Amino acid sequence: MDWLKRMNHALEYIETHLSEEIDYDQVAGTACCSAYHFQRMFSFITNVSLSEYIRRRRLTLAAFELQSGGVKVIDIALKYGYESPEAFSRAFKKMHGVMPKAARDNGVSLKAYPRLSFHISIRGDVEMNYRMEGKPAFEMFGVSTVIHADGENPFIEIPAFWQKCIFDGTVKRIRAAAGLGEHGQLHAVLYNKQGEQLSYMIGYFLPQSGLPEGFEKLQIPPQSYAIFSTGINPSGQNDIHGLWRRIWGEWFPSSHYEAANGPEFEMTYDRGNNMYEMEVWIPVVKL
């Protein structure tokens, strides 16, 4: 219940500051967590990034005010943080499908994005397999790309990156450089989150011989991790996407931990007989 109150207090803070510059650290502080943790949790629970939610709410209120008449477009644009009427008009049309001046026309159709609120939802009694482990520093190598971290984008862009690396032979080269067999399982690292983007590496632990030619190296600091497992399942039946959603939507809200701003991992293991297990490692700190 405390978590529920904190999250709704954060939404109340956002709602009362929509016509001002919103400090994400202040929003997260209202929820008693870090800005990094709040933004990740918000995105996974709502399927929309915090910045996109704020943008939609501002444009919803802007439409209401324009419909009431007697207010200039430039004044609304400045009120809701746009540097120019042109930038405001582009954003307004992207959401509502019409230019701001048309919002005053009789019968025009506009979109309203309602204010969110968090409530308790009973999701069943499906268990989550997890453990806490401290890991010393280690190094990874592989290839990386930049993905968009908001909403459903990771679940689209990450599989596409894997497919590209499989088809162009990159996965095969990483396996060879790591000394794995033809079907050796690789791992992945999510790191360097900057705003709504983060880096995603496909790779493996750095061999003792050093960095293989043509690959990147990533230094991982010592860290305590919450480690979650999909369980052991046949090939293709490990629901890693569902596990991510449950971690942020169920485990973090009920735990006494928050995510630390560090590399996160998707680890894949061959358990034999065409059975596989996937783990998500998230660096955490105790509240």
C-alpha atoms as a PDB file:
ATOM      1  CA  MET A   1       0.000   0.000   0.000  1.00  0.00           C
ATOM      2  CA  ASP A   2       2.867   2.402   0.754  1.00  0.00           C
ATOM      3  CA  TRP A   3       4.222   1.843  -2.762  1.00  0.00           C
ATOM      4  CA  LEU A   4       0.769   2.537  -4.213  1.00  0.00           C
ATOM      5  CA  LYS A   5       0.496   5.812  -2.313  1.00  0.00           C
ATOM      6  CA  ARG A   6       3.990   6.904  -3.353  1.00  0.00           C
ATOM      7  CA  MET A   7       3.334   6.237  -7.035  1.00  0.00           C
ATOM      8  CA  ASN A   8       0.039   8.108  -6.970  1.00  0.00           C
ATOM      9  CA  HIS A   9       1.704  11.010  -5.145  1.00  0.00           C
ATOM     10  CA  ALA A  10       4.241  11.121  -7.990  1.00  0.00           C
ATOM     11  CA  LEU A  11       1.416  11.259 -10.546  1.00  0.00           C
ATOM     12  CA  GLU A  12      -0.229  14.047  -8.549  1.00  0.00           C
ATOM     13  CA  TYR A  13       3.063  15.983  -8.603  1.00  0.00           C
ATOM     14  CA  ILE A  14       3.249  15.590 -12.386  1.00  0.00           C
ATOM     15  CA  GLU A  15      -0.355  16.690 -12.838  1.00  0.00           C
ATOM     16  CA  THR A  16       0.090  19.875 -10.825  1.00  0.00           C
ATOM     17  CA  HIS A  17       3.302  20.824 -12.666  1.00  0.00           C
ATOM     18  CA  LEU A  18       2.329  20.170 -16.291  1.00  0.00           C
ATOM     19  CA  SER A  19       2.626  23.872 -17.143  1.00  0.00           C
ATOM     20  CA  GLU A  20       6.137  23.996 -15.654  1.00  0.00           C
ATOM     21  CA  GLU A  21       9.442  22.278 -16.325  1.00  0.00           C
ATOM     22  CA  ILE A  22       9.174  18.920 -14.549  1.00  0.00           C
ATOM     23  CA  ASP A  23      12.200  17.707 -12.635  1.00  0.00           C
ATOM     24  CA  TYR A  24      12.353  13.904 -12.908  1.00  0.00           C
ATOM     25  CA  ASP A  25      14.453  13.706  -9.757  1.00  0.00           C
ATOM     26  CA  GLN A  26      11.689  15.529  -7.888  1.00  0.00           C
ATOM     27  CA  VAL A  27       9.023  13.226  -9.337  1.00  0.00           C
ATOM     28  CA  ALA A  28      11.001  10.153  -8.312  1.00  0.00           C
ATOM     29  CA  GLY A  29      11.731  11.638  -4.907  1.00  0.00           C
ATOM     30  CA  THR A  30       7.985  11.922  -4.338  1.00  0.00           C
ATOM     31  CA  ALA A  31       7.840   8.148  -4.926  1.00  0.00           C
ATOM     32  CA  CYS A  32      10.879   7.648  -2.625  1.00  0.00           C
ATOM     33  CA  CYS A  33      13.140   6.179  -5.305  1.00  0.00           C
ATOM     34  CA  SER A  34      15.760   7.251  -7.830  1.00  0.00           C
ATOM     35  CA  ALA A  35      14.851   8.849 -11.155  1.00  0.00           C
ATOM     36  CA  TYR A  36      16.375   5.893 -13.021  1.00  0.00           C
ATOM     37  CA  HIS A  37      14.310   3.351 -11.065  1.00  0.00           C
ATOM     38  CA  PHE A  38      11.092   5.370 -11.321  1.00  0.00           C
ATOM     39  CA  GLN A  39      11.346   5.816 -15.091  1.00  0.00           C
ATOM     40  CA  ARG A  40      12.059   2.125 -15.707  1.00  0.00           C
ATOM     41  CA  MET A  41       9.240   0.973 -13.439  1.00  0.00           C
ATOM     42  CA  PHE A  42       6.800   3.513 -14.893  1.00  0.00           C
ATOM     43  CA  SER A  43       7.560   2.407 -18.446  1.00  0.00           C
ATOM     44  CA  PHE A  44       7.159  -1.316 -17.750  1.00  0.00           C
ATOM     45  CA  ILE A  45       3.948  -0.911 -15.749  1.00  0.00           C
ATOM     46  CA  THR A  46       2.201   1.517 -18.121  1.00  0.00           C
ATOM     47  CA  ASN A  47       3.811   0.567 -21.473  1.00  0.00           C
ATOM     48  CA  VAL A  48       4.591   4.236 -22.084  1.00  0.00           C
ATOM     49  CA  SER A  49       7.667   6.244 -21.137  1.00  0.00           C
ATOM     50  CA  LEU A  50       7.406   8.939 -18.480  1.00  0.00           C
ATOM     51  CA  SER A  51       8.302  11.673 -20.984  1.00  0.00           C
ATOM     52  CA  GLU A  52       5.664  10.453 -23.448  1.00  0.00           C
ATOM     53  CA  TYR A  53       3.019  10.355 -20.704  1.00  0.00           C
ATOM     54  CA  ILE A  54       3.823  13.943 -19.762  1.00  0.00           C
ATOM     55  CA  ARG A  55       3.748  15.009 -23.431  1.00  0.00           C
ATOM     56  CA  ARG A  56       0.324  13.407 -23.965  1.00  0.00           C
ATOM     57  CA  ARG A  57      -1.134  14.956 -20.821  1.00  0.00           C
ATOM     58  CA  ARG A  58       0.113  18.419 -21.809  1.00  0.00           C
ATOM     59  CA  LEU A  59      -1.325  18.133 -25.304  1.00  0.00           C
ATOM     60  CA  THR A  60      -4.628  16.877 -23.869  1.00  0.00           C
ATOM     61  CA  LEU A  61      -4.905  19.915 -21.600  1.00  0.00           C
ATOM     62  CA  ALA A  62      -3.800  22.181 -24.444  1.00  0.00           C
ATOM     63  CA  ALA A  63      -6.678  20.896 -26.596  1.00  0.00           C
ATOM     64  CA  PHE A  64      -9.179  21.552 -23.795  1.00  0.00           C
ATOM     65  CA  GLU A  65      -7.946  25.121 -23.418  1.00  0.00           C
ATOM     66  CA  LEU A  66      -7.981  25.805 -27.151  1.00  0.00           C
ATOM     67  CA  GLN A  67     -11.566  24.532 -27.386  1.00  0.00           C
ATOM     68  CA  SER A  68     -12.642  26.935 -24.681  1.00  0.00           C
ATOM     69  CA  GLY A  69     -11.617  29.797 -26.991  1.00  0.00           C
ATOM     70  CA  GLY A  70     -10.109  33.184 -26.269  1.00  0.00           C
ATOM     71  CA  VAL A  71      -6.521  31.953 -25.896  1.00  0.00           C
ATOM     72  CA  LYS A  72      -3.715  32.337 -28.441  1.00  0.00           C
ATOM     73  CA  VAL A  73      -1.852  29.314 -29.791  1.00  0.00           C
ATOM     74  CA  ILE A  74       1.490  30.928 -28.953  1.00  0.00           C
ATOM     75  CA  ASP A  75       0.431  31.365 -25.314  1.00  0.00           C
ATOM     76  CA  ILE A  76      -0.599  27.699 -25.042  1.00  0.00           C
ATOM     77  CA  ALA A  77       2.631  26.626 -26.705  1.00  0.00           C
ATOM     78  CA  LEU A  78       4.756  28.544 -24.199  1.00  0.00           C
ATOM     79  CA  LYS A  79       2.613  27.423 -21.262  1.00  0.00           C
ATOM     80  CA  TYR A  80       3.256  23.752 -21.998  1.00  0.00           C
ATOM     81  CA  GLY A  81       6.969  24.048 -22.626  1.00  0.00           C
ATOM     82  CA  TYR A  82       7.277  24.396 -26.406  1.00  0.00           C
ATOM     83  CA  GLU A  83       9.924  26.783 -27.686  1.00  0.00           C
ATOM     84  CA  SER A  84       7.874  27.948 -30.667  1.00  0.00           C
ATOM     85  CA  PRO A  85       4.307  27.775 -32.034  1.00  0.00           C
ATOM     86  CA  GLU A  86       5.679  25.679 -34.909  1.00  0.00           C
ATOM     87  CA  ALA A  87       7.075  22.997 -32.582  1.00  0.00           C
ATOM     88  CA  PHE A  88       3.815  22.977 -30.642  1.00  0.00           C
ATOM     89  CA  SER A  89       1.746  22.713 -33.833  1.00  0.00           C
ATOM     90  CA  ARG A  90       3.776  19.729 -35.056  1.00  0.00           C
ATOM     91  CA  ALA A  91       3.350  17.899 -31.746  1.00  0.00           C
ATOM     92  CA  PHE A  92      -0.327  18.814 -31.557  1.00  0.00           C
ATOM     93  CA  LYS A  93      -1.053  17.542 -35.066  1.00  0.00           C
ATOM     94  CA  LYS A  94       0.889  14.330 -34.435  1.00  0.00           C
ATOM     95  CA  MET A  95      -1.362  13.507 -31.482  1.00  0.00           C
ATOM     96  CA  HIS A  96      -4.706  15.013 -32.461  1.00  0.00           C
ATOM     97  CA  GLY A  97      -4.516  14.829 -36.243  1.00  0.00           C
ATOM     98  CA  VAL A  98      -5.370  18.523 -36.721  1.00  0.00           C
ATOM     99  CA  MET A  99      -3.567  21.830 -36.303  1.00  0.00           C
ATOM    100  CA  PRO A 100      -4.140  23.750 -33.050  1.00  0.00           C
ATOM    101  CA  LYS A 101      -6.357  26.419 -34.642  1.00  0.00           C
ATOM    102  CA  ALA A 102      -8.680  23.698 -35.932  1.00  0.00           C
ATOM    103  CA  ALA A 103      -9.324  22.575 -32.335  1.00  0.00           C
ATOM    104  CA  ARG A 104     -11.786  25.486 -32.062  1.00  0.00           C
ATOM    105  CA  ASP A 105     -13.891  24.294 -35.006  1.00  0.00           C
ATOM    106  CA  ASN A 106     -17.317  22.935 -34.216  1.00  0.00           C
ATOM    107  CA  GLY A 107     -17.449  19.127 -34.382  1.00  0.00           C
ATOM    108  CA  VAL A 108     -13.695  18.590 -34.722  1.00  0.00           C
ATOM    109  CA  SER A 109     -12.492  15.244 -33.305  1.00  0.00           C
ATOM    110  CA  LEU A 110      -9.670  15.404 -30.773  1.00  0.00           C
ATOM    111  CA  LYS A 111      -7.919  12.863 -28.574  1.00  0.00           C
ATOM    112  CA  ALA A 112      -7.841  12.943 -24.778  1.00  0.00           C
ATOM    113  CA  TYR A 113      -5.177  11.008 -22.883  1.00  0.00           C
ATOM    114  CA  PRO A 114      -6.562  10.565 -19.351  1.00  0.00           C
ATOM    115  CA  ARG A 115      -4.608  10.991 -16.179  1.00  0.00           C
ATOM    116  CA  LEU A 116      -3.207   7.712 -14.913  1.00  0.00           C
ATOM    117  CA  SER A 117      -3.641   6.329 -11.428  1.00  0.00           C
ATOM    118  CA  PHE A 118      -2.244   3.170  -9.876  1.00  0.00           C
ATOM    119  CA  HIS A 119      -4.471   0.571  -8.249  1.00  0.00           C
ATOM    120  CA  ILE A 120      -3.957  -2.882  -6.788  1.00  0.00           C
ATOM    121  CA  SER A 121      -4.533  -5.667  -9.299  1.00  0.00           C
ATOM    122  CA  ILE A 122      -4.674  -9.323  -8.283  1.00  0.00           C
ATOM    123  CA  ARG A 123      -2.605 -11.172 -10.897  1.00  0.00           C
ATOM    124  CA  GLY A 124      -2.734 -14.725  -9.511  1.00  0.00           C
ATOM    125  CA  ASP A 125      -0.309 -16.791  -7.511  1.00  0.00           C
ATOM    126  CA  VAL A 126       2.293 -17.634 -10.186  1.00  0.00           C
ATOM    127  CA  GLU A 127       5.650 -17.858  -8.446  1.00  0.00           C
ATOM    128  CA  MET A 128       8.781 -15.965  -9.470  1.00  0.00           C
ATOM    129  CA  ASN A 129      12.132 -17.697  -9.242  1.00  0.00           C
ATOM    130  CA  TYR A 130      14.827 -15.297  -8.033  1.00  0.00           C
ATOM    131  CA  ARG A 131      17.961 -15.123  -5.916  1.00  0.00           C
ATOM    132  CA  MET A 132      20.319 -12.408  -4.674  1.00  0.00           C
ATOM    133  CA  GLU A 133      24.013 -12.657  -5.588  1.00  0.00           C
ATOM    134  CA  GLY A 134      27.063 -10.440  -5.318  1.00  0.00           C
ATOM    135  CA  LYS A 135      29.352 -10.579  -8.363  1.00  0.00           C
ATOM    136  CA  PRO A 136      32.969  -9.378  -8.643  1.00  0.00           C
ATOM    137  CA  ALA A 137      34.060  -7.222 -11.563  1.00  0.00           C
ATOM    138  CA  PHE A 138      34.281  -8.977 -14.930  1.00  0.00           C
ATOM    139  CA  GLU A 139      34.500  -8.161 -18.640  1.00  0.00           C
ATOM    140  CA  MET A 140      32.288  -8.934 -21.622  1.00  0.00           C
ATOM    141  CA  PHE A 141      32.938  -8.669 -25.350  1.00  0.00           C
ATOM    142  CA  GLY A 142      30.676  -8.599 -28.384  1.00  0.00           C
ATOM    143  CA  VAL A 143      28.778  -6.209 -30.651  1.00  0.00           C
ATOM    144  CA  SER A 144      26.290  -3.551 -29.624  1.00  0.00           C
ATOM    145  CA  THR A 145      23.552  -1.301 -30.925  1.00  0.00           C
ATOM    146  CA  VAL A 146      21.445   1.533 -29.532  1.00  0.00           C
ATOM    147  CA  ILE A 147      17.771   0.808 -28.868  1.00  0.00           C
ATOM    148  CA  HIS A 148      14.848   2.908 -27.708  1.00  0.00           C
ATOM    149  CA  ALA A 149      14.070   2.011 -24.105  1.00  0.00           C
ATOM    150  CA  ASP A 150      10.507   3.275 -23.873  1.00  0.00           C
ATOM    151  CA  GLY A 151       7.310   1.263 -24.113  1.00  0.00           C
ATOM    152  CA  GLU A 152       7.324  -1.797 -26.360  1.00  0.00           C
ATOM    153  CA  ASN A 153      10.343  -0.693 -28.418  1.00  0.00           C
ATOM    154  CA  PRO A 154      12.880  -2.998 -26.697  1.00  0.00           C
ATOM    155  CA  PHE A 155      10.675  -6.025 -27.408  1.00  0.00           C
ATOM    156  CA  ILE A 156      10.726  -5.113 -31.107  1.00  0.00           C
ATOM    157  CA  GLU A 157      14.239  -3.755 -31.643  1.00  0.00           C
ATOM    158  CA  ILE A 158      16.162  -6.367 -29.619  1.00  0.00           C
ATOM    159  CA  PRO A 159      14.807  -9.422 -31.514  1.00  0.00           C
ATOM    160  CA  ALA A 160      15.455  -7.566 -34.776  1.00  0.00           C
ATOM    161  CA  PHE A 161      19.092  -6.980 -33.741  1.00  0.00           C
ATOM    162  CA  TRP A 162      19.504 -10.679 -32.899  1.00  0.00           C
ATOM    163  CA  GLN A 163      18.106 -11.676 -36.280  1.00  0.00           C
ATOM    164  CA  LYS A 164      20.481  -9.303 -38.060  1.00  0.00           C
ATOM    165  CA  CYS A 165      23.479 -10.684 -36.154  1.00  0.00           C
ATOM    166  CA  ILE A 166      22.446 -14.263 -36.879  1.00  0.00           C
ATOM    167  CA  PHE A 167      21.954 -13.683 -40.603  1.00  0.00           C
ATOM    168  CA  ASP A 168      25.169 -11.686 -41.156  1.00  0.00           C
ATOM    169  CA  GLY A 169      27.324 -14.226 -39.296  1.00  0.00           C
ATOM    170  CA  THR A 170      28.113 -12.041 -36.263  1.00  0.00           C
ATOM    171  CA  VAL A 171      26.685 -14.541 -33.771  1.00  0.00           C
ATOM    172  CA  LYS A 172      28.798 -17.291 -35.337  1.00  0.00           C
ATOM    173  CA  ARG A 173      31.929 -15.128 -35.042  1.00  0.00           C
ATOM    174  CA  ILE A 174      31.246 -14.338 -31.377  1.00  0.00           C
ATOM    175  CA  ARG A 175      30.814 -18.039 -30.612  1.00  0.00           C
ATOM    176  CA  ALA A 176      34.101 -18.844 -32.332  1.00  0.00           C
ATOM    177  CA  ALA A 177      35.964 -16.045 -30.530  1.00  0.00           C
ATOM    178  CA  ALA A 178      34.550 -17.214 -27.182  1.00  0.00           C
ATOM    179  CA  GLY A 179      35.562 -20.827 -27.825  1.00  0.00           C
ATOM    180  CA  LEU A 180      31.971 -22.027 -27.852  1.00  0.00           C
ATOM    181  CA  GLY A 181      30.553 -24.730 -30.062  1.00  0.00           C
ATOM    182  CA  GLU A 182      28.334 -24.138 -33.059  1.00  0.00           C
ATOM    183  CA  HIS A 183      25.258 -23.911 -30.856  1.00  0.00           C
ATOM    184  CA  GLY A 184      26.876 -22.303 -27.780  1.00  0.00           C
ATOM    185  CA  GLN A 185      24.569 -19.895 -25.974  1.00  0.00           C
ATOM    186  CA  LEU A 186      25.480 -16.209 -25.924  1.00  0.00           C
ATOM    187  CA  HIS A 187      24.447 -13.570 -23.420  1.00  0.00           C
ATOM    188  CA  ALA A 188      23.277  -9.959 -23.680  1.00  0.00           C
ATOM    189  CA  VAL A 189      23.945  -6.748 -21.742  1.00  0.00           C
ATOM    190  CA  LEU A 190      21.741  -3.648 -21.441  1.00  0.00           C
ATOM    191  CA  TYR A 191      23.799  -0.630 -20.362  1.00  0.00           C
ATOM    192  CA  ASN A 192      24.598   3.066 -20.757  1.00  0.00           C
ATOM    193  CA  LYS A 193      21.018   4.267 -20.490  1.00  0.00           C
ATOM    194  CA  GLN A 194      20.763   7.859 -21.689  1.00  0.00           C
ATOM    195  CA  GLY A 195      17.269   9.299 -21.561  1.00  0.00           C
ATOM    196  CA  GLU A 196      15.042   7.049 -23.670  1.00  0.00           C
ATOM    197  CA  GLN A 197      17.916   5.166 -25.304  1.00  0.00           C
ATOM    198  CA  LEU A 198      20.288   2.470 -24.110  1.00  0.00           C
ATOM    199  CA  SER A 199      23.010   0.241 -25.510  1.00  0.00           C
ATOM    200  CA  TYR A 200      22.421  -3.477 -26.031  1.00  0.00           C
ATOM    201  CA  MET A 201      25.335  -5.891 -26.487  1.00  0.00           C
ATOM    202  CA  ILE A 202      25.250  -9.475 -27.733  1.00  0.00           C
ATOM    203  CA  GLY A 203      28.342 -11.231 -26.472  1.00  0.00           C
ATOM    204  CA  TYR A 204      30.092 -13.426 -23.957  1.00  0.00           C
ATOM    205  CA  PHE A 205      32.642 -13.322 -21.159  1.00  0.00           C
ATOM    206  CA  LEU A 206      35.996 -11.939 -22.314  1.00  0.00           C
ATOM    207  CA  PRO A 207      38.500 -14.784 -22.951  1.00  0.00           C
ATOM    208  CA  GLN A 208      41.791 -14.809 -21.049  1.00  0.00           C
ATOM    209  CA  SER A 209      43.635 -14.166 -24.302  1.00  0.00           C
ATOM    210  CA  GLY A 210      42.116 -10.686 -24.454  1.00  0.00           C
ATOM    211  CA  LEU A 211      39.738  -8.837 -26.736  1.00  0.00           C
ATOM    212  CA  PRO A 212      39.179 -10.684 -30.026  1.00  0.00           C
ATOM    213  CA  GLU A 213      39.681  -8.533 -33.121  1.00  0.00           C
ATOM    214  CA  GLY A 214      36.613  -6.741 -34.429  1.00  0.00           C
ATOM    215  CA  PHE A 215      34.657  -6.687 -31.166  1.00  0.00           C
ATOM    216  CA  GLU A 216      33.913  -4.247 -28.326  1.00  0.00           C
ATOM    217  CA  LYS A 217      34.872  -4.740 -24.699  1.00  0.00           C
ATOM    218  CA  LEU A 218      32.637  -3.852 -21.755  1.00  0.00           C
ATOM    219  CA  GLN A 219      33.905  -3.531 -18.181  1.00  0.00           C
ATOM    220  CA  ILE A 220      31.374  -4.631 -15.554  1.00  0.00           C
ATOM    221  CA  PRO A 221      31.913  -3.292 -12.007  1.00  0.00           C
ATOM    222  CA  PRO A 222      31.348  -5.384  -8.865  1.00  0.00           C
ATOM    223  CA  GLN A 223      27.647  -5.364  -8.058  1.00  0.00           C
ATOM    224  CA  SER A 224      24.839  -7.069  -6.154  1.00  0.00           C
ATOM    225  CA  TYR A 225      22.181  -8.529  -8.446  1.00  0.00           C
ATOM    226  CA  ALA A 226      18.629  -9.726  -8.187  1.00  0.00           C
ATOM    227  CA  ILE A 227      18.604 -12.711 -10.546  1.00  0.00           C
ATOM    228  CA  PHE A 228      15.342 -13.991 -12.015  1.00  0.00           C
ATOM    229  CA  SER A 229      14.825 -17.204 -13.962  1.00  0.00           C
ATOM    230  CA  THR A 230      12.348 -18.229 -16.614  1.00  0.00           C
ATOM    231  CA  GLY A 231      12.800 -21.834 -15.455  1.00  0.00           C
ATOM    232  CA  ILE A 232      14.033 -24.637 -17.705  1.00  0.00           C
ATOM    233  CA  ASN A 233      11.960 -25.016 -20.850  1.00  0.00           C
ATOM    234  CA  PRO A 234      12.197 -26.400 -24.389  1.00  0.00           C
ATOM    235  CA  SER A 235      13.814 -24.199 -27.027  1.00  0.00           C
ATOM    236  CA  GLY A 236      11.750 -21.111 -27.826  1.00  0.00           C
ATOM    237  CA  GLN A 237       9.486 -21.371 -24.789  1.00  0.00           C
ATOM    238  CA  ASN A 238      11.356 -19.133 -22.352  1.00  0.00           C
ATOM    239  CA  ASP A 239       9.179 -16.034 -21.986  1.00  0.00           C
ATOM    240  CA  ILE A 240      11.897 -13.469 -21.357  1.00  0.00           C
ATOM    241  CA  HIS A 241       9.581 -10.572 -22.261  1.00  0.00           C
ATOM    242  CA  GLY A 242       6.976 -11.701 -19.741  1.00  0.00           C
ATOM    243  CA  LEU A 243       9.686 -12.086 -17.106  1.00  0.00           C
ATOM    244  CA  TRP A 244      10.848  -8.481 -17.586  1.00  0.00           C
ATOM    245  CA  ARG A 245       7.285  -7.237 -17.187  1.00  0.00           C
ATOM    246  CA  ARG A 246       6.718  -9.267 -14.020  1.00  0.00           C
ATOM    247  CA  ILE A 247      10.008  -8.078 -12.485  1.00  0.00           C
ATOM    248  CA  TRP A 248       9.063  -4.409 -12.863  1.00  0.00           C
ATOM    249  CA  GLY A 249       5.329  -4.763 -12.455  1.00  0.00           C
ATOM    250  CA  GLU A 250       5.230  -7.232  -9.555  1.00  0.00           C
ATOM    251  CA  TRP A 251       8.590  -7.878  -7.894  1.00  0.00           C
ATOM    252  CA  PHE A 252      10.019  -4.372  -7.507  1.00  0.00           C
ATOM    253  CA  PRO A 253       6.800  -2.808  -6.147  1.00  0.00           C
ATOM    254  CA  SER A 254       6.614  -5.463  -3.426  1.00  0.00           C
ATOM    255  CA  SER A 255      10.346  -5.726  -2.650  1.00  0.00           C
ATOM    256  CA  HIS A 256      12.645  -3.599  -0.494  1.00  0.00           C
ATOM    257  CA  TYR A 257      15.035  -2.989  -3.386  1.00  0.00           C
ATOM    258  CA  GLU A 258      15.371  -0.570  -6.257  1.00  0.00           C
ATOM    259  CA  ALA A 259      17.363  -0.914  -9.455  1.00  0.00           C
ATOM    260  CA  ALA A 260      20.857   0.536  -9.471  1.00  0.00           C
ATOM    261  CA  ASN A 261      22.005   2.430 -12.554  1.00  0.00           C
ATOM    262  CA  GLY A 262      24.270  -0.239 -13.993  1.00  0.00           C
ATOM    263  CA  PRO A 263      24.469  -2.949 -16.671  1.00  0.00           C
ATOM    264  CA  GLU A 264      21.622  -5.482 -16.752  1.00  0.00           C
ATOM    265  CA  PHE A 265      21.912  -8.940 -18.277  1.00  0.00           C
ATOM    266  CA  GLU A 266      19.941 -11.539 -20.193  1.00  0.00           C
ATOM    267  CA  MET A 267      21.810 -14.818 -19.695  1.00  0.00           C
ATOM    268  CA  THR A 268      21.000 -17.958 -21.685  1.00  0.00           C
ATOM    269  CA  TYR A 269      22.054 -21.491 -20.681  1.00  0.00           C
ATOM    270  CA  ASP A 270      21.856 -24.809 -22.504  1.00  0.00           C
ATOM    271  CA  ARG A 271      20.634 -27.363 -19.927  1.00  0.00           C
ATOM    272  CA  GLY A 272      20.841 -30.322 -22.321  1.00  0.00           C
ATOM    273  CA  ASN A 273      18.212 -32.424 -24.092  1.00  0.00           C
ATOM    274  CA  ASN A 274      17.032 -29.343 -26.000  1.00  0.00           C
ATOM    275  CA  MET A 275      16.128 -27.612 -22.728  1.00  0.00           C
ATOM    276  CA  TYR A 276      17.173 -24.035 -21.980  1.00  0.00           C
ATOM    277  CA  GLU A 277      17.028 -21.519 -19.143  1.00  0.00           C
ATOM    278  CA  MET A 278      17.167 -17.736 -19.311  1.00  0.00           C
ATOM    279  CA  GLU A 279      18.011 -15.368 -16.468  1.00  0.00           C
ATOM    280  CA  VAL A 280      17.634 -11.619 -16.027  1.00  0.00           C
ATOM    281  CA  TRP A 281      20.280 -10.005 -13.808  1.00  0.00           C
ATOM    282  CA  ILE A 282      19.397  -6.548 -12.462  1.00  0.00           C
ATOM    283  CA  PRO A 283      21.803  -4.604 -10.229  1.00  0.00           C
ATOM    284  CA  VAL A 284      19.978  -3.530  -7.087  1.00  0.00           C
ATOM    285  CA  VAL A 285      20.435  -1.578  -3.885  1.00  0.00           C
ATOM    286  CA  LYS A 286      18.430  -2.030  -0.711  1.00  0.00           C
ATOM    287  CA  LEU A 287      16.009   0.746   0.160  1.00  0.00           C
END
